[in-house]
C-alpha cells in the first residue's frame, strides 16, 4: 500500500490568496526564513491577481505563515 505524500508548498499552490489589497491565485510557494513564532512556518508565495488593475498588472509576492504540528 502506498500513501500520497504532500508538502505544504504543494498544498498552497492553486489556493486563493485574499487580503485587503489583493485577491489572486497562489502559483508558487517556497519556504521562507521569516520567523512569526513557535509552531509556525513562513512561506513566500507568488500570487497572480484575479482582477489585474492599472496598479497591479503583474504577479506579486507575499509572506504568509502556516501553523504546524497540531
N, C-alpha and C. Protein backbone atom coordinates (compact mmCIF):
# COMPACT_ATOMS: atom_id res chain seq x y z
N UNK A 1 0.85 -1.17 0.00
CA UNK A 1 0.00 0.00 0.00
C UNK A 1 0.90 1.24 0.00
N UNK A 2 0.53 2.21 -0.79
CA UNK A 2 1.29 3.45 -0.83
C UNK A 2 0.40 4.61 -0.40
N UNK A 3 1.05 5.64 0.06
CA UNK A 3 0.32 6.83 0.52
C UNK A 3 0.71 8.01 -0.34
N UNK A 4 -0.21 8.91 -0.51
CA UNK A 4 0.09 10.18 -1.18
C UNK A 4 0.79 11.08 -0.17
N UNK A 5 1.94 11.57 -0.54
CA UNK A 5 2.70 12.44 0.35
C UNK A 5 2.70 13.85 -0.24
N UNK A 6 2.28 14.81 0.57
CA UNK A 6 2.19 16.19 0.12
C UNK A 6 3.12 17.06 0.95
N UNK A 7 3.59 18.13 0.35
CA UNK A 7 4.33 19.15 1.09
C UNK A 7 3.42 20.35 1.26
N UNK A 8 3.77 21.20 2.19
CA UNK A 8 2.97 22.41 2.39
C UNK A 8 2.99 23.26 1.12
N UNK A 9 4.15 23.32 0.46
CA UNK A 9 4.25 24.09 -0.78
C UNK A 9 3.25 23.58 -1.81
N UNK A 10 3.15 22.26 -1.97
CA UNK A 10 2.21 21.69 -2.94
C UNK A 10 0.77 22.00 -2.58
N UNK A 11 0.47 22.01 -1.29
CA UNK A 11 -0.90 22.28 -0.86
C UNK A 11 -1.27 23.75 -1.02
N UNK A 12 -0.30 24.66 -0.95
CA UNK A 12 -0.60 26.09 -1.12
C UNK A 12 -0.86 26.46 -2.57
N UNK A 13 -0.14 25.84 -3.50
CA UNK A 13 -0.27 26.18 -4.92
C UNK A 13 -1.69 25.83 -5.39
N UNK A 14 -2.30 26.80 -6.05
CA UNK A 14 -3.66 26.62 -6.55
C UNK A 14 -4.73 27.18 -5.62
N UNK A 15 -4.35 27.53 -4.40
CA UNK A 15 -5.30 28.10 -3.46
C UNK A 15 -5.47 29.59 -3.72
N UNK A 16 -6.57 30.14 -3.24
CA UNK A 16 -6.83 31.57 -3.37
C UNK A 16 -6.19 32.31 -2.20
N UNK A 17 -5.45 33.36 -2.53
CA UNK A 17 -4.88 34.27 -1.52
C UNK A 17 -5.77 35.50 -1.49
N UNK A 18 -6.17 35.91 -0.30
CA UNK A 18 -7.03 37.08 -0.20
C UNK A 18 -6.58 37.94 0.96
N UNK A 19 -6.35 39.21 0.67
CA UNK A 19 -6.02 40.19 1.70
C UNK A 19 -6.81 41.46 1.39
N UNK A 20 -6.57 42.48 2.17
CA UNK A 20 -7.29 43.75 1.97
C UNK A 20 -6.97 44.37 0.62
N UNK A 21 -5.74 44.13 0.11
CA UNK A 21 -5.31 44.80 -1.11
C UNK A 21 -5.15 43.87 -2.32
N UNK A 22 -5.29 42.56 -2.11
CA UNK A 22 -5.01 41.63 -3.20
C UNK A 22 -5.85 40.37 -3.08
N UNK A 23 -6.41 39.94 -4.21
CA UNK A 23 -7.07 38.64 -4.30
C UNK A 23 -6.54 37.97 -5.56
N UNK A 24 -6.04 36.75 -5.40
CA UNK A 24 -5.50 36.05 -6.55
C UNK A 24 -5.18 34.61 -6.22
N UNK A 25 -4.59 33.93 -7.19
CA UNK A 25 -4.25 32.52 -7.05
C UNK A 25 -2.77 32.38 -6.72
N UNK A 26 -2.45 31.53 -5.76
CA UNK A 26 -1.07 31.22 -5.44
C UNK A 26 -0.54 30.29 -6.53
N UNK A 27 0.51 30.73 -7.24
CA UNK A 27 1.04 29.93 -8.32
C UNK A 27 2.40 29.33 -7.99
N UNK A 28 3.01 29.77 -6.89
CA UNK A 28 4.28 29.18 -6.46
C UNK A 28 4.45 29.48 -4.97
N UNK A 29 5.14 28.56 -4.27
CA UNK A 29 5.40 28.74 -2.84
C UNK A 29 6.75 28.15 -2.51
N UNK A 30 7.47 28.84 -1.63
CA UNK A 30 8.74 28.31 -1.15
C UNK A 30 8.92 28.72 0.31
N UNK A 31 9.57 27.88 1.06
CA UNK A 31 9.78 28.15 2.48
C UNK A 31 10.62 29.41 2.65
N UNK A 32 10.28 30.20 3.66
CA UNK A 32 10.96 31.46 3.94
C UNK A 32 11.62 31.39 5.31
N UNK A 33 12.60 32.26 5.53
CA UNK A 33 13.28 32.31 6.82
C UNK A 33 12.64 33.29 7.80
N UNK A 34 11.57 33.95 7.42
CA UNK A 34 10.91 34.90 8.30
C UNK A 34 10.29 34.13 9.47
N UNK A 35 10.51 34.61 10.70
CA UNK A 35 10.02 33.93 11.90
C UNK A 35 8.84 34.68 12.48
N UNK A 36 7.69 34.00 12.60
CA UNK A 36 6.49 34.60 13.18
C UNK A 36 6.21 34.10 14.58
N UNK A 37 6.75 32.95 14.96
CA UNK A 37 6.52 32.43 16.30
C UNK A 37 6.63 30.92 16.34
N UNK A 38 6.60 30.39 17.54
CA UNK A 38 6.70 28.94 17.72
C UNK A 38 5.47 28.26 17.11
N UNK A 39 5.69 27.14 16.46
CA UNK A 39 4.60 26.39 15.85
C UNK A 39 4.14 26.94 14.51
N UNK A 40 4.88 27.90 13.95
CA UNK A 40 4.52 28.48 12.66
C UNK A 40 5.70 28.37 11.70
N UNK A 41 5.40 28.15 10.44
CA UNK A 41 6.40 28.23 9.37
C UNK A 41 5.95 29.31 8.41
N UNK A 42 6.89 30.00 7.80
CA UNK A 42 6.53 31.05 6.85
C UNK A 42 6.89 30.61 5.44
N UNK A 43 6.11 31.10 4.50
CA UNK A 43 6.29 30.77 3.09
C UNK A 43 6.17 32.03 2.25
N UNK A 44 7.04 32.12 1.26
CA UNK A 44 6.97 33.21 0.27
C UNK A 44 6.15 32.67 -0.88
N UNK A 45 5.02 33.31 -1.16
CA UNK A 45 4.12 32.84 -2.21
C UNK A 45 4.05 33.86 -3.34
N UNK A 46 3.96 33.35 -4.55
CA UNK A 46 3.77 34.19 -5.73
C UNK A 46 2.28 34.17 -6.05
N UNK A 47 1.70 35.35 -6.12
CA UNK A 47 0.26 35.48 -6.31
C UNK A 47 -0.03 36.15 -7.64
N UNK A 48 -0.90 35.52 -8.42
CA UNK A 48 -1.37 36.09 -9.69
C UNK A 48 -2.75 36.68 -9.45
N UNK A 49 -2.90 38.01 -9.59
CA UNK A 49 -4.18 38.66 -9.29
C UNK A 49 -5.32 38.13 -10.15
N UNK A 50 -6.50 37.96 -9.54
CA UNK A 50 -7.69 37.57 -10.29
C UNK A 50 -8.17 38.71 -11.18
N UNK A 51 -8.05 39.92 -10.67
CA UNK A 51 -8.54 41.10 -11.38
C UNK A 51 -7.42 42.12 -11.50
N UNK A 52 -6.55 41.96 -12.48
CA UNK A 52 -5.45 42.93 -12.63
C UNK A 52 -6.00 44.34 -12.82
N UNK A 53 -5.35 45.30 -12.20
CA UNK A 53 -5.74 46.69 -12.34
C UNK A 53 -4.54 47.48 -12.86
N UNK A 54 -4.73 48.74 -13.05
CA UNK A 54 -3.65 49.60 -13.52
C UNK A 54 -2.48 49.56 -12.53
N UNK A 55 -2.77 49.43 -11.25
CA UNK A 55 -1.73 49.43 -10.22
C UNK A 55 -1.15 48.05 -9.96
N UNK A 56 -1.81 47.00 -10.42
CA UNK A 56 -1.39 45.65 -10.08
C UNK A 56 -1.52 44.75 -11.30
N UNK A 57 -0.63 44.92 -12.28
CA UNK A 57 -0.72 44.17 -13.53
C UNK A 57 0.01 42.84 -13.49
N UNK A 58 1.00 42.71 -12.62
CA UNK A 58 1.86 41.54 -12.63
C UNK A 58 1.69 40.71 -11.37
N UNK A 59 2.31 39.53 -11.40
CA UNK A 59 2.34 38.69 -10.21
C UNK A 59 3.05 39.45 -9.10
N UNK A 60 2.67 39.16 -7.89
CA UNK A 60 3.29 39.79 -6.74
C UNK A 60 3.62 38.72 -5.71
N UNK A 61 4.41 39.07 -4.73
CA UNK A 61 4.84 38.12 -3.72
C UNK A 61 4.36 38.55 -2.35
N UNK A 62 4.02 37.58 -1.53
CA UNK A 62 3.61 37.82 -0.15
C UNK A 62 4.25 36.76 0.74
N UNK A 63 4.42 37.10 2.01
CA UNK A 63 4.87 36.14 3.01
C UNK A 63 3.64 35.77 3.84
N UNK A 64 3.41 34.48 4.02
CA UNK A 64 2.33 34.04 4.88
C UNK A 64 2.84 32.98 5.84
N UNK A 65 2.13 32.81 6.94
CA UNK A 65 2.55 31.82 7.92
C UNK A 65 1.55 30.68 7.96
N UNK A 66 2.06 29.50 8.29
CA UNK A 66 1.25 28.28 8.36
C UNK A 66 1.49 27.64 9.72
N UNK A 67 0.43 27.31 10.42
CA UNK A 67 0.57 26.64 11.72
C UNK A 67 0.89 25.17 11.46
N UNK A 68 1.87 24.66 12.17
CA UNK A 68 2.28 23.27 12.00
C UNK A 68 2.24 22.56 13.35
N UNK A 69 2.18 21.24 13.31
CA UNK A 69 2.31 20.43 14.50
C UNK A 69 1.05 20.24 15.32
N UNK A 70 -0.11 20.47 14.78
CA UNK A 70 -1.34 20.24 15.55
C UNK A 70 -2.12 19.11 14.95
